[in-house]
């Protein structure tokens, strides 16, 4: 059982690190504020959540695992709220999302 838990722990840690790297690449490659913010929120919820899950599996049934669980709950609730607040504030300040250009109906053959 110990080998199974350790294997799941490492799989979770590696997947969490992968999602964090993909999210960091998304922060660099995305064209505007709103898509970058989306990439950052995915990193927070999925990447950090998987890393915390892997660390909880490594810790076993200890007080450390309970603390990691509460840290995960905090991230799970605060990250989407902060992302929503940033999006609303930027929209109220006049920042518009970068949208794909509309195809003109008259330009179609």
Protein backbone atom coordinates (compact mmCIF):
# COMPACT_ATOMS: atom_id res chain seq x y z
CA UNK A 1 0.00 0.00 0.00
CA UNK A 2 2.87 2.35 0.74
CA UNK A 3 4.27 2.00 -2.79
CA UNK A 4 0.85 2.77 -4.27
CA UNK A 5 0.43 5.92 -2.15
CA UNK A 6 3.95 7.06 -2.99
CA UNK A 7 3.36 6.45 -6.70
CA UNK A 8 0.10 8.41 -6.62
CA UNK A 9 1.85 11.16 -4.70
CA UNK A 10 4.62 11.49 -7.26
CA UNK A 11 2.15 11.33 -10.14
CA UNK A 12 0.16 14.14 -8.56
CA UNK A 13 3.29 16.21 -7.96
CA UNK A 14 4.53 15.74 -11.52
CA UNK A 15 1.13 16.54 -13.04
CA UNK A 16 0.81 19.60 -10.81
CA UNK A 17 4.25 20.78 -11.88
CA UNK A 18 3.31 20.19 -15.52
CA UNK A 19 0.15 22.28 -15.22
CA UNK A 20 2.11 25.04 -13.49
CA UNK A 21 4.62 25.07 -16.34
CA UNK A 22 1.86 25.13 -18.96
CA UNK A 23 0.17 27.98 -17.10
CA UNK A 24 3.43 29.92 -16.92
CA UNK A 25 3.91 29.42 -20.65
CA UNK A 26 0.33 30.61 -21.14
CA UNK A 27 1.10 33.77 -19.18
CA UNK A 28 3.90 34.52 -21.62
CA UNK A 29 2.09 33.53 -24.83
CA UNK A 30 -1.43 34.89 -24.34
CA UNK A 31 -2.21 38.15 -26.14
CA UNK A 32 -4.18 40.18 -23.59
CA UNK A 33 -4.91 40.67 -19.91
CA UNK A 34 -8.04 38.53 -19.76
CA UNK A 35 -6.54 35.44 -21.38
CA UNK A 36 -3.42 35.78 -19.21
CA UNK A 37 -5.63 36.01 -16.16
CA UNK A 38 -7.41 32.83 -17.24
CA UNK A 39 -4.08 31.00 -17.56
CA UNK A 40 -3.06 32.17 -14.09
CA UNK A 41 -6.33 31.02 -12.54
CA UNK A 42 -5.95 27.56 -14.07
CA UNK A 43 -2.48 27.34 -12.55
CA UNK A 44 -3.85 28.26 -9.14
CA UNK A 45 -6.70 25.81 -9.05
CA UNK A 46 -5.38 22.80 -10.93
CA UNK A 47 -1.59 23.01 -10.64
CA UNK A 48 -1.42 24.07 -7.02
CA UNK A 49 -4.26 21.70 -6.11
CA UNK A 50 -2.45 18.70 -7.54
CA UNK A 51 0.81 19.69 -5.85
CA UNK A 52 -0.97 20.07 -2.52
CA UNK A 53 -2.65 16.68 -3.02
CA UNK A 54 0.73 15.08 -3.67
CA UNK A 55 2.18 16.70 -0.57
CA UNK A 56 -0.79 15.53 1.51
CA UNK A 57 -0.24 11.97 0.31
CA UNK A 58 3.43 12.26 1.25
CA UNK A 59 2.56 13.60 4.72
CA UNK A 60 0.09 10.82 5.55
CA UNK A 61 -2.54 11.26 8.28
CA UNK A 62 -0.78 14.04 10.19
CA UNK A 63 -1.42 17.61 11.21
CA UNK A 64 0.65 18.69 8.20
CA UNK A 65 -1.90 17.06 5.87
CA UNK A 66 -4.73 18.89 7.61
CA UNK A 67 -2.90 22.20 7.20
CA UNK A 68 -2.27 21.45 3.52
CA UNK A 69 -5.96 20.60 3.08
CA UNK A 70 -7.03 23.93 4.56
CA UNK A 71 -4.48 25.72 2.39
CA UNK A 72 -6.01 23.98 -0.63
CA UNK A 73 -9.49 25.07 0.43
CA UNK A 74 -8.27 28.63 0.79
CA UNK A 75 -6.77 28.59 -2.70
CA UNK A 76 -9.89 26.92 -4.11
CA UNK A 77 -12.17 29.70 -2.85
CA UNK A 78 -9.93 32.78 -2.96
CA UNK A 79 -8.35 32.33 -6.40
CA UNK A 80 -11.59 32.43 -8.46
CA UNK A 81 -12.86 35.31 -6.33
CA UNK A 82 -9.69 37.34 -6.87
CA UNK A 83 -9.71 36.56 -10.60
CA UNK A 84 -13.32 37.71 -10.85
CA UNK A 85 -12.56 40.91 -8.93
CA UNK A 86 -9.60 41.68 -11.21
CA UNK A 87 -11.70 41.11 -14.33
CA UNK A 88 -14.52 43.33 -13.06
CA UNK A 89 -12.11 46.09 -12.04
CA UNK A 90 -10.36 46.05 -15.39
CA UNK A 91 -13.67 46.16 -17.26
CA UNK A 92 -14.84 49.09 -15.14
CA UNK A 93 -11.58 50.93 -15.87
CA UNK A 94 -12.25 50.57 -19.59
CA UNK A 95 -9.97 47.70 -20.58
CA UNK A 96 -11.65 45.76 -23.37
CA UNK A 97 -10.94 42.10 -24.15
CA UNK A 98 -9.08 41.36 -27.36
CA UNK A 99 -11.59 39.58 -29.58
CA UNK A 100 -11.16 37.94 -32.94
CA UNK A 101 -12.02 40.30 -35.80
CA UNK A 102 -15.52 39.83 -37.13
CA UNK A 103 -15.83 38.53 -40.63
CA UNK A 104 -17.73 40.99 -42.75
CA UNK A 105 -20.77 39.46 -44.37
CA UNK A 106 -20.12 41.40 -47.59
CA UNK A 107 -16.60 39.98 -48.01
CA UNK A 108 -17.85 36.40 -48.38
CA UNK A 109 -18.10 35.13 -51.98
